[in-house]
Amino acid sequence: MKRRTLDLVFSIGGLLLAALVLVLGLVLQNQANFAHNYVKNQLTEQQITFTPVAGLTAQEKQAQCLISNAGKLMTTGKQAECYANRYIGLHVTEINNGLTYSQTSTAARALQAKATAAQQSGAANAADLQSQYEALEAKATTLFQGETLRGLLLTSYGFSIFGDRAQTAAWVCYAVALVLFVAGVLGLVHAFSPAGEEQVFGSSKEQRGPSAV
């Protein structure tokens, strides 16, 4: 077999593989663009603006991302993560001494049952229990709203991470496709050079030529 034949096989195979990898990269690029645009559009529609630096509390200023994004409109997954964890996450812990919506709601229902029983029995503390229940229920509602928004923002952040990874994978595919393309072209050039006439994988007799008489 001539080296030219071997070069052509590997070169054409490499070019075909480069084309396949390029197509994969374009698909990943499309998914990355979709994720980034989707997150940006969804967040922009919410019109959430970070609090200006002058309005941040001392505790909020400990989060560098709140300072760097102060006054900006939320449009990226990274901003959503910052707002969810460092702003909403901070304030929901202040609503009911760090208790979650589920814990607060359970306590509110138990207090409601006590208030109802006290009203039915005509207990003197019935009005006080009812007032405590209403205050705790208000906290549960606020926690529900805060935790729901925080969860939605973190979901957007997670979606943006998939977009970032798809973008990274696309760049890797582009690089691999480029390397394969260059190698394929060089292989074609080599195939049609004088070196392409060399014999490879032939018998030792063929490579030595006819024996002397």
Protein backbone atom coordinates (compact mmCIF):
# COMPACT_ATOMS: atom_id res chain seq x y z
CA MET A 1 0.00 0.00 0.00
CA LYS A 2 1.30 3.42 -0.89
CA ARG A 3 1.57 6.07 1.79
CA ARG A 4 -0.73 8.23 -0.35
CA THR A 5 -3.59 5.77 0.13
CA LEU A 6 -3.07 5.70 3.88
CA ASP A 7 -2.87 9.50 4.04
CA LEU A 8 -6.09 9.84 2.05
CA VAL A 9 -7.94 7.42 4.32
CA PHE A 10 -6.89 9.20 7.49
CA SER A 11 -7.29 12.69 5.99
CA ILE A 12 -10.79 12.14 4.66
CA GLY A 13 -11.79 10.37 7.88
CA GLY A 14 -10.40 13.28 9.90
CA LEU A 15 -12.28 15.84 7.81
CA LEU A 16 -15.54 13.91 8.20
CA LEU A 17 -14.99 13.66 11.94
CA ALA A 18 -14.21 17.39 12.05
CA ALA A 19 -17.54 18.08 10.33
CA LEU A 20 -19.41 15.93 12.85
CA VAL A 21 -17.72 17.60 15.81
CA LEU A 22 -18.46 21.01 14.30
CA VAL A 23 -22.15 20.11 13.99
CA LEU A 24 -22.15 18.99 17.64
CA GLY A 25 -20.54 22.30 18.60
CA LEU A 26 -23.20 24.25 16.71
CA VAL A 27 -25.96 22.30 18.47
CA LEU A 28 -24.40 23.02 21.86
CA GLN A 29 -23.98 26.68 20.86
CA ASN A 30 -27.67 26.84 19.99
CA GLN A 31 -28.61 25.40 23.39
CA ALA A 32 -26.27 27.81 25.17
CA ASN A 33 -27.78 30.78 23.34
CA PHE A 34 -31.28 29.59 24.16
CA ALA A 35 -30.49 29.23 27.85
CA HIS A 36 -28.83 32.64 28.12
CA ASN A 37 -31.57 34.43 26.17
CA TYR A 38 -34.34 32.65 28.07
CA VAL A 39 -32.89 33.53 31.46
CA LYS A 40 -32.26 37.13 30.43
CA ASN A 41 -35.77 37.59 29.04
CA GLN A 42 -37.47 36.01 32.05
CA LEU A 43 -35.47 38.01 34.57
CA THR A 44 -35.85 41.27 32.66
CA GLU A 45 -39.64 40.85 32.70
CA GLN A 46 -39.55 40.75 36.51
CA GLN A 47 -37.95 44.22 36.60
CA ILE A 48 -36.00 43.43 39.77
CA THR A 49 -33.48 46.16 40.55
CA PHE A 50 -30.74 45.77 43.15
CA THR A 51 -30.87 48.19 46.06
CA PRO A 52 -28.47 51.15 45.63
CA VAL A 53 -25.42 51.12 47.90
CA ALA A 54 -26.87 53.96 49.99
CA GLY A 55 -29.87 51.78 50.81
CA LEU A 56 -27.97 48.66 51.84
CA THR A 57 -27.75 47.74 55.51
CA ALA A 58 -24.44 46.98 57.17
CA GLN A 59 -25.19 43.27 56.98
CA GLU A 60 -26.10 43.48 53.28
CA LYS A 61 -22.87 45.33 52.52
CA GLN A 62 -20.95 42.25 53.62
CA ALA A 63 -22.03 40.65 50.34
CA GLN A 64 -19.72 41.99 47.63
CA CYS A 65 -22.11 40.96 44.87
CA LEU A 66 -24.84 43.22 46.30
CA ILE A 67 -22.42 46.14 46.20
CA SER A 68 -21.13 45.42 42.68
CA ASN A 69 -24.69 45.03 41.36
CA ALA A 70 -26.17 47.92 43.36
CA GLY A 71 -28.72 49.86 41.33
CA LYS A 72 -28.53 47.42 38.38
CA LEU A 73 -31.42 45.60 36.73
CA MET A 74 -31.25 41.83 37.20
CA THR A 75 -30.62 40.14 33.84
CA THR A 76 -28.21 37.24 34.47
CA GLY A 77 -28.29 33.97 36.35
CA LYS A 78 -25.34 35.01 38.48
CA GLN A 79 -27.18 38.14 39.57
CA ALA A 80 -30.24 36.01 40.36
CA GLU A 81 -28.15 33.74 42.58
CA CYS A 82 -26.70 36.73 44.42
CA TYR A 83 -30.11 38.32 45.01
CA ALA A 84 -31.68 35.01 46.05
CA ASN A 85 -28.99 33.94 48.52
CA ARG A 86 -27.51 37.19 49.80
CA TYR A 87 -30.57 39.44 49.83
CA ILE A 88 -33.76 37.37 50.02
CA GLY A 89 -31.98 34.57 51.88
CA LEU A 90 -30.80 37.07 54.49
CA HIS A 91 -34.18 38.68 55.04
CA VAL A 92 -36.27 35.52 55.24
CA THR A 93 -34.19 34.43 58.23
CA GLU A 94 -35.17 37.65 59.99
CA ILE A 95 -38.93 37.14 59.61
CA ASN A 96 -39.41 34.43 62.23
CA ASN A 97 -36.05 33.83 63.91
CA GLY A 98 -34.69 31.71 61.09
CA LEU A 99 -37.69 29.36 60.86
CA THR A 100 -38.85 28.35 57.39
CA TYR A 101 -42.30 28.74 55.86
CA SER A 102 -43.12 25.10 56.58
CA GLN A 103 -42.18 25.41 60.25
CA THR A 104 -43.97 28.73 60.66
CA SER A 105 -47.09 27.53 58.88
CA THR A 106 -47.26 24.42 61.08
CA ALA A 107 -46.95 26.55 64.21
CA ALA A 108 -49.62 28.94 62.89
CA ARG A 109 -52.09 26.12 62.30
CA ALA A 110 -51.50 24.80 65.80
CA LEU A 111 -52.03 28.29 67.23
CA GLN A 112 -55.20 28.67 65.18
CA ALA A 113 -56.57 25.48 66.67
CA LYS A 114 -55.86 26.82 70.16
CA ALA A 115 -57.48 30.16 69.36
CA THR A 116 -60.58 28.45 67.96
CA ALA A 117 -60.87 26.21 71.02
CA ALA A 118 -60.45 29.20 73.32
CA GLN A 119 -63.18 31.14 71.50
CA GLN A 120 -65.56 28.19 71.70
CA SER A 121 -64.95 27.76 75.41
CA GLY A 122 -65.10 31.49 76.09
CA ALA A 123 -61.58 31.59 77.52
CA ALA A 124 -60.24 34.98 78.59
CA ASN A 125 -57.16 34.69 76.37
CA ALA A 126 -59.13 33.86 73.21
CA ALA A 127 -58.62 37.31 71.68
CA ASP A 128 -54.90 37.25 72.52
CA LEU A 129 -54.48 33.81 70.92
CA GLN A 130 -56.32 34.96 67.82
CA SER A 131 -54.04 38.00 67.56
CA GLN A 132 -50.95 35.81 67.91
CA TYR A 133 -52.28 33.47 65.24
CA GLU A 134 -52.92 36.30 62.78
CA ALA A 135 -49.43 37.73 63.35
CA LEU A 136 -47.82 34.31 62.84
CA GLU A 137 -49.94 33.63 59.77
CA ALA A 138 -48.80 36.94 58.29
CA LYS A 139 -45.20 35.85 58.83
CA ALA A 140 -45.95 32.51 57.15
CA THR A 141 -47.39 34.32 54.13
CA THR A 142 -44.34 36.57 53.88
CA LEU A 143 -42.02 33.57 54.19
CA PHE A 144 -43.95 31.74 51.49
CA GLN A 145 -43.60 34.66 49.10
CA GLY A 146 -39.92 35.15 49.88
CA GLU A 147 -38.99 31.48 49.65
CA THR A 148 -40.98 31.07 46.43
CA LEU A 149 -39.23 34.00 44.74
CA ARG A 150 -35.88 32.79 46.02
CA GLY A 151 -36.53 29.33 44.60
CA LEU A 152 -37.56 30.72 41.21
CA LEU A 153 -34.45 32.88 41.01
CA LEU A 154 -32.20 29.96 41.94
CA THR A 155 -33.90 27.88 39.25
CA SER A 156 -33.03 30.59 36.73
CA TYR A 157 -29.46 30.51 38.02
CA GLY A 158 -29.29 26.75 37.62
CA PHE A 159 -30.65 27.01 34.08
CA SER A 160 -27.99 29.60 33.26
CA ILE A 161 -25.29 27.23 34.53
CA PHE A 162 -26.42 24.61 32.01
CA GLY A 163 -26.11 27.31 29.36
CA ASP A 164 -22.58 28.16 30.51
CA ARG A 165 -21.55 24.52 30.37
CA ALA A 166 -23.08 24.08 26.94
CA GLN A 167 -21.11 27.13 25.79
CA THR A 168 -17.87 25.68 27.19
CA ALA A 169 -18.56 22.35 25.50
CA ALA A 170 -19.26 24.19 22.22
CA TRP A 171 -15.88 25.95 22.38
CA VAL A 172 -14.16 22.61 23.01
CA CYS A 173 -15.92 21.13 19.98
CA TYR A 174 -14.85 24.09 17.85
CA ALA A 175 -11.23 23.62 18.95
CA VAL A 176 -11.28 19.86 18.28
CA ALA A 177 -12.93 20.40 14.88
CA LEU A 178 -10.26 22.95 13.96
CA VAL A 179 -7.44 20.60 14.93
CA LEU A 180 -9.00 17.75 12.95
CA PHE A 181 -9.55 20.01 9.95
CA VAL A 182 -5.96 21.24 9.94
CA ALA A 183 -4.65 17.70 10.38
CA GLY A 184 -6.87 16.51 7.51
CA VAL A 185 -5.69 19.26 5.18
CA LEU A 186 -2.05 18.58 6.04
CA GLY A 187 -2.67 14.89 5.41
CA LEU A 188 -4.04 15.66 1.93
CA VAL A 189 -1.05 17.84 1.17
CA HIS A 190 1.27 15.07 2.29
CA ALA A 191 -0.65 12.50 0.26
CA PHE A 192 0.06 14.32 -3.00
CA SER A 193 3.66 15.10 -2.19
CA PRO A 194 6.52 12.92 -3.47
CA ALA A 195 6.52 11.12 -0.12
CA GLY A 196 3.11 9.73 -1.03
CA GLU A 197 4.77 7.29 -3.42
CA GLU A 198 6.49 5.44 -0.57
CA GLN A 199 5.29 1.94 0.18
CA VAL A 200 3.93 1.14 3.63
CA PHE A 201 2.72 -2.15 5.10
CA GLY A 202 4.30 -4.00 2.17
CA SER A 203 6.36 -7.18 2.34
CA SER A 204 10.04 -6.86 3.05
CA LYS A 205 10.75 -8.25 -0.41
CA GLU A 206 8.58 -5.61 -2.05
CA GLN A 207 10.24 -2.85 -0.05
CA ARG A 208 13.77 -4.11 -0.95
CA GLY A 209 12.95 -4.46 -4.63
CA PRO A 210 13.97 -7.42 -6.85
CA SER A 211 16.84 -9.50 -5.53
CA ALA A 212 20.16 -9.45 -7.32
CA VAL A 213 20.96 -12.34 -9.65
